[in-house]
C-alpha atoms as a PDB file:
ATOM      1  CA  MET A   1      82.476 181.786  74.014  1.00  0.00           C
ATOM      2  CA  ALA A   2      84.705 184.792  73.229  1.00  0.00           C
ATOM      3  CA  VAL A   3      87.902 185.381  75.179  1.00  0.00           C
ATOM      4  CA  ASP A   4      86.451 188.364  77.065  1.00  0.00           C
ATOM      5  CA  GLU A   5      83.579 186.150  78.272  1.00  0.00           C
ATOM      6  CA  TRP A   6      86.112 183.543  79.441  1.00  0.00           C
ATOM      7  CA  LEU A   7      87.944 186.284  81.329  1.00  0.00           C
ATOM      8  CA  ARG A   8      84.785 187.302  83.139  1.00  0.00           C
ATOM      9  CA  ASP A   9      84.260 183.621  83.960  1.00  0.00           C
ATOM     10  CA  THR A  10      87.729 183.499  85.594  1.00  0.00           C
ATOM     11  CA  THR A  11      87.414 186.625  87.753  1.00  0.00           C
ATOM     12  CA  PRO A  12      87.592 184.643  91.046  1.00  0.00           C
ATOM     13  CA  LEU A  13      90.699 182.727  89.909  1.00  0.00           C
ATOM     14  CA  ALA A  14      94.154 183.859  90.983  1.00  0.00           C
ATOM     15  CA  THR A  15      96.737 181.060  91.243  1.00  0.00           C
ATOM     16  CA  ILE A  16      98.415 178.576  88.943  1.00  0.00           C
ATOM     17  CA  ARG A  17      96.419 175.843  90.669  1.00  0.00           C
ATOM     18  CA  ASP A  18      93.199 177.724  89.875  1.00  0.00           C
ATOM     19  CA  TYR A  19      94.033 177.985  86.179  1.00  0.00           C
ATOM     20  CA  VAL A  20      95.159 174.371  85.821  1.00  0.00           C
ATOM     21  CA  ARG A  21      91.868 173.249  87.355  1.00  0.00           C
ATOM     22  CA  PHE A  22      89.902 175.730  85.251  1.00  0.00           C
ATOM     23  CA  GLY A  23      91.575 174.622  82.012  1.00  0.00           C
ATOM     24  CA  ALA A  24      91.197 170.929  82.790  1.00  0.00           C
ATOM     25  CA  THR A  25      87.492 171.374  83.558  1.00  0.00           C
ATOM     26  CA  LYS A  26      86.838 173.393  80.414  1.00  0.00           C
ATOM     27  CA  MET A  27      88.683 170.911  78.171  1.00  0.00           C
ATOM     28  CA  SER A  28      86.949 167.903  79.708  1.00  0.00           C
ATOM     29  CA  GLY A  29      83.561 169.514  79.253  1.00  0.00           C
ATOM     30  CA  ALA A  30      84.303 170.359  75.627  1.00  0.00           C
ATOM     31  CA  GLY A  31      85.358 166.827  74.693  1.00  0.00           C
ATOM     32  CA  VAL A  32      88.867 167.816  73.629  1.00  0.00           C
ATOM     33  CA  TYR A  33      90.949 164.880  72.351  1.00  0.00           C
ATOM     34  CA  PHE A  34      94.278 164.135  74.025  1.00  0.00           C
ATOM     35  CA  GLY A  35      96.976 162.132  72.283  1.00  0.00           C
ATOM     36  CA  HIS A  36      99.972 164.372  71.629  1.00  0.00           C
ATOM     37  CA  GLY A  37     102.033 163.752  74.738  1.00  0.00           C
ATOM     38  CA  THR A  38      99.209 163.675  77.281  1.00  0.00           C
ATOM     39  CA  ASP A  39      96.160 161.436  77.638  1.00  0.00           C
ATOM     40  CA  ASN A  40      93.995 163.419  80.051  1.00  0.00           C
ATOM     41  CA  ALA A  41      92.733 166.956  80.680  1.00  0.00           C
ATOM     42  CA  TRP A  42      94.695 167.558  83.888  1.00  0.00           C
ATOM     43  CA  ASP A  43      98.100 166.759  82.371  1.00  0.00           C
ATOM     44  CA  GLU A  44      97.240 168.806  79.278  1.00  0.00           C
ATOM     45  CA  ALA A  45      96.295 171.800  81.446  1.00  0.00           C
ATOM     46  CA  CYS A  46      99.526 171.457  83.438  1.00  0.00           C
ATOM     47  CA  PHE A  47     101.515 171.335  80.196  1.00  0.00           C
ATOM     48  CA  LEU A  48      99.846 174.444  78.786  1.00  0.00           C
ATOM     49  CA  VAL A  49     100.182 176.454  81.980  1.00  0.00           C
ATOM     50  CA  LEU A  50     103.749 175.542  82.951  1.00  0.00           C
ATOM     51  CA  GLU A  51     105.178 175.796  79.443  1.00  0.00           C
ATOM     52  CA  ALA A  52     103.392 179.069  78.698  1.00  0.00           C
ATOM     53  CA  LEU A  53     104.777 180.552  81.912  1.00  0.00           C
ATOM     54  CA  ASP A  54     108.225 178.980  81.329  1.00  0.00           C
ATOM     55  CA  ILE A  55     108.157 177.168  84.663  1.00  0.00           C
ATOM     56  CA  PRO A  56     110.188 173.928  84.994  1.00  0.00           C
ATOM     57  CA  TRP A  57     108.077 170.859  85.689  1.00  0.00           C
ATOM     58  CA  SER A  58     110.278 170.044  88.681  1.00  0.00           C
ATOM     59  CA  LEU A  59     108.935 173.151  90.425  1.00  0.00           C
ATOM     60  CA  ILE A  60     105.232 172.434  90.007  1.00  0.00           C
ATOM     61  CA  ASP A  61     104.611 171.646  93.683  1.00  0.00           C
ATOM     62  CA  GLN A  62     106.321 174.872  94.782  1.00  0.00           C
ATOM     63  CA  VAL A  63     104.456 177.159  92.389  1.00  0.00           C
ATOM     64  CA  LEU A  64     100.887 175.829  92.350  1.00  0.00           C
ATOM     65  CA  ASP A  65      99.715 178.508  94.759  1.00  0.00           C
ATOM     66  CA  ALA A  66     101.662 181.345  93.150  1.00  0.00           C
ATOM     67  CA  LYS A  67      99.430 184.225  92.035  1.00  0.00           C
ATOM     68  CA  LEU A  68      99.356 185.235  88.382  1.00  0.00           C
ATOM     69  CA  THR A  69      99.515 188.695  86.859  1.00  0.00           C
ATOM     70  CA  VAL A  70      96.652 189.995  84.739  1.00  0.00           C
ATOM     71  CA  THR A  71      98.751 189.516  81.601  1.00  0.00           C
ATOM     72  CA  GLU A  72      99.543 185.909  82.531  1.00  0.00           C
ATOM     73  CA  ARG A  73      95.891 185.177  83.215  1.00  0.00           C
ATOM     74  CA  GLU A  74      94.845 186.583  79.847  1.00  0.00           C
ATOM     75  CA  GLN A  75      97.549 184.541  78.110  1.00  0.00           C
ATOM     76  CA  LEU A  76      96.390 181.289  79.705  1.00  0.00           C
ATOM     77  CA  VAL A  77      92.713 181.930  79.033  1.00  0.00           C
ATOM     78  CA  SER A  78      93.507 182.651  75.384  1.00  0.00           C
ATOM     79  CA  LEU A  79      95.465 179.389  75.073  1.00  0.00           C
ATOM     80  CA  PHE A  80      92.677 177.324  76.597  1.00  0.00           C
ATOM     81  CA  GLU A  81      90.082 179.038  74.440  1.00  0.00           C
ATOM     82  CA  ILE A  82      91.992 178.355  71.211  1.00  0.00           C
ATOM     83  CA  ARG A  83      92.798 174.794  72.275  1.00  0.00           C
ATOM     84  CA  ILE A  84      89.087 174.107  72.787  1.00  0.00           C
ATOM     85  CA  ARG A  85      87.593 176.094  69.915  1.00  0.00           C
ATOM     86  CA  GLU A  86      90.044 175.173  67.157  1.00  0.00           C
ATOM     87  CA  ARG A  87      91.329 171.842  68.544  1.00  0.00           C
ATOM     88  CA  ILE A  88      94.934 172.851  67.799  1.00  0.00           C
ATOM     89  CA  PRO A  89      97.309 170.543  69.724  1.00  0.00           C
ATOM     90  CA  ALA A  90      98.929 172.186  72.721  1.00  0.00           C
ATOM     91  CA  ALA A  91     102.463 171.642  71.411  1.00  0.00           C
ATOM     92  CA  TYR A  92     101.674 173.623  68.259  1.00  0.00           C
ATOM     93  CA  LEU A  93     100.160 176.447  70.293  1.00  0.00           C
ATOM     94  CA  LEU A  94     103.355 176.687  72.334  1.00  0.00           C
ATOM     95  CA  GLY A  95     105.850 175.783  69.610  1.00  0.00           C
ATOM     96  CA  LYS A  96     107.555 173.264  71.860  1.00  0.00           C
ATOM     97  CA  THR A  97     107.165 169.929  73.603  1.00  0.00           C
ATOM     98  CA  TRP A  98     109.171 167.245  75.408  1.00  0.00           C
ATOM     99  CA  PHE A  99     110.476 163.854  74.302  1.00  0.00           C
ATOM    100  CA  ALA A 100     112.591 161.350  76.245  1.00  0.00           C
ATOM    101  CA  GLY A 101     113.198 164.004  78.882  1.00  0.00           C
ATOM    102  CA  TRP A 102     114.390 166.687  76.436  1.00  0.00           C
ATOM    103  CA  PRO A 103     112.678 169.827  75.053  1.00  0.00           C
ATOM    104  CA  PHE A 104     112.090 170.192  71.321  1.00  0.00           C
ATOM    105  CA  ILE A 105     110.919 172.914  68.958  1.00  0.00           C
ATOM    106  CA  VAL A 106     107.867 171.884  66.900  1.00  0.00           C
ATOM    107  CA  ASN A 107     105.493 173.413  64.380  1.00  0.00           C
ATOM    108  CA  GLU A 108     102.839 172.152  61.991  1.00  0.00           C
ATOM    109  CA  ASN A 109     105.480 170.937  59.521  1.00  0.00           C
ATOM    110  CA  VAL A 110     106.379 168.024  61.815  1.00  0.00           C
ATOM    111  CA  LEU A 111     104.578 165.431  63.889  1.00  0.00           C
ATOM    112  CA  ILE A 112     104.342 166.143  67.594  1.00  0.00           C
ATOM    113  CA  PRO A 113     106.808 163.764  69.332  1.00  0.00           C
ATOM    114  CA  ARG A 114     105.050 160.929  71.154  1.00  0.00           C
ATOM    115  CA  SER A 115     106.739 157.709  70.033  1.00  0.00           C
ATOM    116  CA  PRO A 116     107.268 154.941  72.610  1.00  0.00           C
ATOM    117  CA  ILE A 117     110.741 154.604  71.080  1.00  0.00           C
ATOM    118  CA  GLY A 118     111.669 157.256  73.655  1.00  0.00           C
ATOM    119  CA  GLU A 119     111.580 154.535  76.283  1.00  0.00           C
ATOM    120  CA  LEU A 120     114.010 152.434  74.237  1.00  0.00           C
ATOM    121  CA  ILE A 121     116.390 155.390  74.003  1.00  0.00           C
ATOM    122  CA  GLU A 122     116.320 155.833  77.774  1.00  0.00           C
ATOM    123  CA  LYS A 123     117.274 152.157  78.113  1.00  0.00           C
ATOM    124  CA  ASP A 124     120.118 152.362  75.561  1.00  0.00           C
ATOM    125  CA  PHE A 125     118.197 150.054  73.203  1.00  0.00           C
ATOM    126  CA  THR A 126     119.028 147.070  75.380  1.00  0.00           C
ATOM    127  CA  PRO A 127     119.112 144.147  74.917  1.00  0.00           C
ATOM    128  CA  TRP A 128     119.372 144.641  71.146  1.00  0.00           C
ATOM    129  CA  LEU A 129     122.456 146.857  71.194  1.00  0.00           C
ATOM    130  CA  THR A 130     125.380 145.192  72.921  1.00  0.00           C
ATOM    131  CA  GLN A 131     127.647 148.226  72.590  1.00  0.00           C
ATOM    132  CA  PRO A 132     127.150 151.940  71.917  1.00  0.00           C
ATOM    133  CA  PRO A 133     126.501 152.639  68.214  1.00  0.00           C
ATOM    134  CA  GLN A 134     129.064 154.657  66.317  1.00  0.00           C
ATOM    135  CA  ARG A 135     126.737 155.750  63.515  1.00  0.00           C
ATOM    136  CA  VAL A 136     122.977 156.213  63.757  1.00  0.00           C
ATOM    137  CA  LEU A 137     120.263 157.100  61.246  1.00  0.00           C
ATOM    138  CA  ASP A 138     116.907 158.526  62.270  1.00  0.00           C
ATOM    139  CA  MET A 139     114.774 158.189  59.132  1.00  0.00           C
ATOM    140  CA  CYS A 140     111.502 160.153  58.834  1.00  0.00           C
ATOM    141  CA  THR A 141     112.978 162.334  61.538  1.00  0.00           C
ATOM    142  CA  GLY A 142     110.415 165.156  61.576  1.00  0.00           C
ATOM    143  CA  SER A 143     111.517 167.407  64.423  1.00  0.00           C
ATOM    144  CA  GLY A 144     114.642 165.291  64.888  1.00  0.00           C
ATOM    145  CA  CYS A 145     113.549 164.266  68.374  1.00  0.00           C
ATOM    146  CA  ILE A 146     114.363 160.543  68.134  1.00  0.00           C
ATOM    147  CA  GLY A 147     117.796 161.002  66.570  1.00  0.00           C
ATOM    148  CA  ILE A 148     118.746 163.926  68.784  1.00  0.00           C
ATOM    149  CA  ALA A 149     117.657 162.127  71.957  1.00  0.00           C
ATOM    150  CA  THR A 150     119.728 159.150  70.797  1.00  0.00           C
ATOM    151  CA  ALA A 151     122.728 161.432  70.182  1.00  0.00           C
ATOM    152  CA  LEU A 152     122.353 162.862  73.683  1.00  0.00           C
ATOM    153  CA  ARG A 153     122.203 159.337  75.088  1.00  0.00           C
ATOM    154  CA  PHE A 154     125.265 158.173  73.122  1.00  0.00           C
ATOM    155  CA  PRO A 155     127.700 161.127  73.220  1.00  0.00           C
ATOM    156  CA  ASP A 156     130.221 159.499  70.863  1.00  0.00           C
ATOM    157  CA  ALA A 157     127.744 158.620  68.115  1.00  0.00           C
ATOM    158  CA  ILE A 158     127.519 160.398  64.757  1.00  0.00           C
ATOM    159  CA  VAL A 159     123.839 160.795  63.902  1.00  0.00           C
ATOM    160  CA  ASP A 160     122.104 161.528  60.601  1.00  0.00           C
ATOM    161  CA  LEU A 161     118.529 162.807  60.597  1.00  0.00           C
ATOM    162  CA  SER A 162     116.691 162.339  57.300  1.00  0.00           C
ATOM    163  CA  ASP A 163     113.291 163.381  56.013  1.00  0.00           C
ATOM    164  CA  ILE A 164     111.660 163.859  52.620  1.00  0.00           C
ATOM    165  CA  SER A 165     110.168 167.181  53.753  1.00  0.00           C
ATOM    166  CA  PRO A 166     112.443 170.249  53.475  1.00  0.00           C
ATOM    167  CA  GLU A 167     110.270 172.010  56.061  1.00  0.00           C
ATOM    168  CA  ALA A 168     110.803 169.148  58.510  1.00  0.00           C
ATOM    169  CA  VAL A 169     114.555 169.204  57.844  1.00  0.00           C
ATOM    170  CA  ASP A 170     114.534 172.900  58.743  1.00  0.00           C
ATOM    171  CA  VAL A 171     112.868 172.146  62.092  1.00  0.00           C
ATOM    172  CA  ALA A 172     115.359 169.341  62.715  1.00  0.00           C
ATOM    173  CA  TRP A 173     118.244 171.774  62.139  1.00  0.00           C
ATOM    174  CA  GLN A 174     116.654 174.170  64.629  1.00  0.00           C
ATOM    175  CA  ASN A 175     116.651 171.415  67.238  1.00  0.00           C
ATOM    176  CA  ILE A 176     120.220 170.413  66.413  1.00  0.00           C
ATOM    177  CA  ASP A 177     121.241 174.012  67.058  1.00  0.00           C
ATOM    178  CA  TYR A 178     119.062 174.227  70.183  1.00  0.00           C
ATOM    179  CA  HIS A 179     120.840 171.222  71.706  1.00  0.00           C
ATOM    180  CA  GLY A 180     124.300 172.313  70.545  1.00  0.00           C
ATOM    181  CA  LEU A 181     124.928 169.204  68.435  1.00  0.00           C
ATOM    182  CA  GLU A 182     126.285 170.769  65.237  1.00  0.00           C
ATOM    183  CA  GLY A 183     129.228 168.767  63.924  1.00  0.00           C
ATOM    184  CA  ARG A 184     127.974 165.473  65.367  1.00  0.00           C
ATOM    185  CA  VAL A 185     124.380 165.514  64.136  1.00  0.00           C
ATOM    186  CA  GLN A 186     123.177 166.641  60.706  1.00  0.00           C
ATOM    187  CA  ALA A 187     119.774 166.835  59.011  1.00  0.00           C
ATOM    188  CA  ILE A 188     119.498 165.613  55.405  1.00  0.00           C
ATOM    189  CA  GLU A 189     116.647 165.976  52.928  1.00  0.00           C
ATOM    190  CA  SER A 190     116.222 162.507  51.470  1.00  0.00           C
ATOM    191  CA  ASP A 191     113.519 160.315  49.961  1.00  0.00           C
ATOM    192  CA  MET A 192     114.247 157.201  52.020  1.00  0.00           C
ATOM    193  CA  PHE A 193     117.895 156.278  51.269  1.00  0.00           C
ATOM    194  CA  ALA A 194     118.228 158.314  48.047  1.00  0.00           C
ATOM    195  CA  ALA A 195     120.650 160.879  49.530  1.00  0.00           C
ATOM    196  CA  LEU A 196     122.397 158.335  51.781  1.00  0.00           C
ATOM    197  CA  GLU A 197     124.145 156.126  49.232  1.00  0.00           C
ATOM    198  CA  GLY A 198     127.254 154.459  50.633  1.00  0.00           C
ATOM    199  CA  GLN A 199     126.404 155.177  54.260  1.00  0.00           C
ATOM    200  CA  VAL A 200     126.532 152.366  56.828  1.00  0.00           C
ATOM    201  CA  TYR A 201     124.873 152.564  60.234  1.00  0.00           C
ATOM    202  CA  ASP A 202     124.984 150.512  63.416  1.00  0.00           C
ATOM    203  CA  LEU A 203     121.460 151.615  64.270  1.00  0.00           C
ATOM    204  CA  ILE A 204     118.622 152.730  62.009  1.00  0.00           C
ATOM    205  CA  ILE A 205     115.559 154.087  63.767  1.00  0.00           C
ATOM    206  CA  CYS A 206     112.421 154.840  61.800  1.00  0.00           C
ATOM    207  CA  ASN A 207     109.038 156.184  62.846  1.00  0.00           C
ATOM    208  CA  PRO A 208     107.543 156.292  59.344  1.00  0.00           C
ATOM    209  CA  PRO A 209     104.060 157.146  58.133  1.00  0.00           C
ATOM    210  CA  TYR A 210     102.021 154.065  59.014  1.00  0.00           C
ATOM    211  CA  VAL A 211      98.370 155.072  59.440  1.00  0.00           C
ATOM    212  CA  ASP A 212      96.048 153.079  57.179  1.00  0.00           C
ATOM    213  CA  ALA A 213      93.444 154.776  55.008  1.00  0.00           C
ATOM    214  CA  GLU A 214      90.513 153.939  57.276  1.00  0.00           C
ATOM    215  CA  ASP A 215      92.158 155.261  60.443  1.00  0.00           C
ATOM    216  CA  LEU A 216      93.388 158.362  58.605  1.00  0.00           C
ATOM    217  CA  SER A 217      89.864 159.269  57.560  1.00  0.00           C
ATOM    218  CA  THR A 218      88.463 158.982  61.092  1.00  0.00           C
ATOM    219  CA  MET A 219      91.202 160.614  63.173  1.00  0.00           C
ATOM    220  CA  PRO A 220      90.208 163.412  65.608  1.00  0.00           C
ATOM    221  CA  LYS A 221      90.565 166.998  64.421  1.00  0.00           C
ATOM    222  CA  GLU A 222      93.775 167.490  66.427  1.00  0.00           C
ATOM    223  CA  TYR A 223      95.604 165.116  64.068  1.00  0.00           C
ATOM    224  CA  GLN A 224      94.432 167.030  61.021  1.00  0.00           C
ATOM    225  CA  TYR A 225      96.893 169.795  61.908  1.00  0.00           C
ATOM    226  CA  GLU A 226      99.811 167.394  61.447  1.00  0.00           C
ATOM    227  CA  PRO A 227     101.412 166.844  58.003  1.00  0.00           C
ATOM    228  CA  LYS A 228      99.434 164.122  56.212  1.00  0.00           C
ATOM    229  CA  GLN A 229     102.500 162.737  54.447  1.00  0.00           C
ATOM    230  CA  ALA A 230     103.936 161.932  57.888  1.00  0.00           C
ATOM    231  CA  LEU A 231     100.835 159.945  58.856  1.00  0.00           C
ATOM    232  CA  GLY A 232      99.238 158.044  55.973  1.00  0.00           C
ATOM    233  CA  SER A 233     100.939 155.255  54.021  1.00  0.00           C
ATOM    234  CA  GLY A 234      98.457 153.556  51.720  1.00  0.00           C
ATOM    235  CA  ASP A 235      95.413 151.383  52.301  1.00  0.00           C
ATOM    236  CA  ASP A 236      97.074 149.165  54.918  1.00  0.00           C
ATOM    237  CA  GLY A 237      99.551 151.747  56.243  1.00  0.00           C
ATOM    238  CA  LEU A 238     102.573 149.776  55.058  1.00  0.00           C
ATOM    239  CA  ASN A 239     103.672 151.374  51.768  1.00  0.00           C
ATOM    240  CA  PHE A 240     106.728 152.964  53.366  1.00  0.00           C
ATOM    241  CA  THR A 241     107.563 150.043  55.668  1.00  0.00           C
ATOM    242  CA  ARG A 242     107.643 147.527  52.802  1.00  0.00           C
ATOM    243  CA  LYS A 243     110.284 149.631  51.026  1.00  0.00           C
ATOM    244  CA  LEU A 244     112.224 150.079  54.253  1.00  0.00           C
ATOM    245  CA  LEU A 245     112.395 146.333  54.892  1.00  0.00           C
ATOM    246  CA  ALA A 246     113.622 145.772  51.351  1.00  0.00           C
ATOM    247  CA  GLN A 247     116.366 148.410  51.493  1.00  0.00           C
ATOM    248  CA  ALA A 248     117.566 148.804  55.088  1.00  0.00           C
ATOM    249  CA  LYS A 249     119.967 145.838  55.036  1.00  0.00           C
ATOM    250  CA  ASP A 250     122.181 147.636  52.512  1.00  0.00           C
ATOM    251  CA  TYR A 251     122.772 150.455  54.998  1.00  0.00           C
ATOM    252  CA  LEU A 252     123.328 148.441  58.171  1.00  0.00           C
ATOM    253  CA  SER A 253     126.623 147.155  59.527  1.00  0.00           C
ATOM    254  CA  ASP A 254     126.930 143.382  59.974  1.00  0.00           C
ATOM    255  CA  ASP A 255     125.800 143.674  63.593  1.00  0.00           C
ATOM    256  CA  GLY A 256     123.424 146.527  62.861  1.00  0.00           C
ATOM    257  CA  VAL A 257     119.875 146.846  64.153  1.00  0.00           C
ATOM    258  CA  LEU A 258     116.704 148.341  62.684  1.00  0.00           C
ATOM    259  CA  VAL A 259     114.065 149.755  65.048  1.00  0.00           C
ATOM    260  CA  CYS A 260     110.782 150.623  63.346  1.00  0.00           C
ATOM    261  CA  GLU A 261     107.372 151.776  64.557  1.00  0.00           C
ATOM    262  CA  VAL A 262     104.194 150.765  62.731  1.00  0.00           C
ATOM    263  CA  GLY A 263     101.611 151.388  65.457  1.00  0.00           C
ATOM    264  CA  ASN A 264      98.191 149.881  64.806  1.00  0.00           C
ATOM    265  CA  SER A 265      99.396 148.567  61.438  1.00  0.00           C
ATOM    266  CA  TRP A 266     101.369 145.831  63.156  1.00  0.00           C
ATOM    267  CA  PHE A 267      98.529 143.372  62.458  1.00  0.00           C
ATOM    268  CA  ALA A 268      98.725 144.135  58.749  1.00  0.00           C
ATOM    269  CA  LEU A 269     102.527 143.815  58.824  1.00  0.00           C
ATOM    270  CA  GLU A 270     102.414 140.361  60.358  1.00  0.00           C
ATOM    271  CA  ALA A 271      99.822 139.298  57.798  1.00  0.00           C
ATOM    272  CA  ALA A 272     101.891 140.679  54.913  1.00  0.00           C
ATOM    273  CA  PHE A 273     105.069 138.929  56.120  1.00  0.00           C
ATOM    274  CA  SER A 274     103.547 135.804  57.642  1.00  0.00           C
ATOM    275  CA  ASP A 275     106.805 133.830  57.321  1.00  0.00           C
ATOM    276  CA  ILE A 276     108.705 136.287  59.517  1.00  0.00           C
ATOM    277  CA  ALA A 277     108.732 136.134  63.312  1.00  0.00           C
ATOM    278  CA  PHE A 278     108.803 139.811  64.221  1.00  0.00           C
ATOM    279  CA  THR A 279     110.272 140.847  67.569  1.00  0.00           C
ATOM    280  CA  TRP A 280     107.818 143.316  69.134  1.00  0.00           C
ATOM    281  CA  VAL A 281     108.920 145.568  71.969  1.00  0.00           C
ATOM    282  CA  ASP A 282     107.003 145.593  75.261  1.00  0.00           C
ATOM    283  CA  PHE A 283     106.839 149.028  76.854  1.00  0.00           C
ATOM    284  CA  GLU A 284     106.437 149.781  80.547  1.00  0.00           C
ATOM    285  CA  ARG A 285     104.798 153.178  79.958  1.00  0.00           C
ATOM    286  CA  GLY A 286     102.434 152.153  77.186  1.00  0.00           C
ATOM    287  CA  GLY A 287     102.703 152.061  73.424  1.00  0.00           C
ATOM    288  CA  HIS A 288     102.887 149.277  70.883  1.00  0.00           C
ATOM    289  CA  GLY A 289     103.734 148.435  67.304  1.00  0.00           C
ATOM    290  CA  VAL A 290     107.530 148.817  67.474  1.00  0.00           C
ATOM    291  CA  PHE A 291     109.643 145.965  66.109  1.00  0.00           C
ATOM    292  CA  VAL A 292     113.381 145.305  66.147  1.00  0.00           C
ATOM    293  CA  MET A 293     115.256 143.431  63.396  1.00  0.00           C
ATOM    294  CA  THR A 294     118.918 142.635  62.920  1.00  0.00           C
ATOM    295  CA  ALA A 295     120.760 142.973  59.632  1.00  0.00           C
ATOM    296  CA  ALA A 296     120.771 139.161  59.346  1.00  0.00           C
ATOM    297  CA  GLU A 297     116.988 139.011  59.765  1.00  0.00           C
ATOM    298  CA  LEU A 298     116.521 141.600  57.028  1.00  0.00           C
ATOM    299  CA  VAL A 299     118.569 139.429  54.656  1.00  0.00           C
ATOM    300  CA  VAL A 300     116.147 136.567  55.384  1.00  0.00           C
ATOM    301  CA  ILE A 301     113.242 138.786  54.305  1.00  0.00           C
ATOM    302  CA  GLU A 302     114.991 139.483  50.998  1.00  0.00           C
ATOM    303  CA  ASP A 303     115.633 135.786  50.455  1.00  0.00           C
ATOM    304  CA  LEU A 304     111.981 134.942  51.128  1.00  0.00           C
ATOM    305  CA  GLU A 305     110.763 137.609  48.716  1.00  0.00           C
ATOM    306  CA  GLU A 306     113.087 136.367  45.975  1.00  0.00           C
ATOM    307  CA  SER A 307     112.190 132.693  46.419  1.00  0.00           C
END
């Protein structure tokens, strides 16, 4: 259906409430996939409408019955139509999203933030961190959301954001500037630890590519807009994580901690390292496949591999 036909279909609609309901109904009927920050049509419609109109989420109850201008109505209809027809994720359509309570700039050069690690940040990484970290590394940073949210949570920490993609590093710098963190947070183009020689961190956080080949080939169209090198990591999804486990100990302080997300590949990880008792994080708001390891535990992995 062309946009002008959608507009005729919305002639009786006038308020924000009307357009949220309209968008949610249209997306549900079209079988749109949700998985980039929302998991249902209603929340996705609210996100598209409020962000497009630059209305704070805290005001949603006060503005639901506010009437829209003709221009605003056309803008919203166009967004819904593109979201349904092309299956482009809402965050890419808007160029922004939210993570751990903070707004972030995004584009198709970075994954859309959705990691459950956000919940760990909000809880100060307890009980694994016993004191605020002085130096933090967010590896495979993408938009920089995890490292920047951590920097905002720990105002005295120096944070490095690293990514192999120069385009992702550019987006990370945009978000550093957006949050006013220049001087305390920097983005570095690096293939794993290649550009980080000699650095030591109290906390390394990594949301690496971890999707296995089978899952990568069957993902909904929405995920096909995201950079493939940020998703796939070999047949079992663990190519990157194996290297990380072998190298991370050399960049952690004695009391340092590694937090890593492997998603659905956590079964394969446990099978590949059957002698290791991984500590998996339980999340209150959903999510899985995030493990925590101390520097001492990483040394044990090295010893097992060498024996």
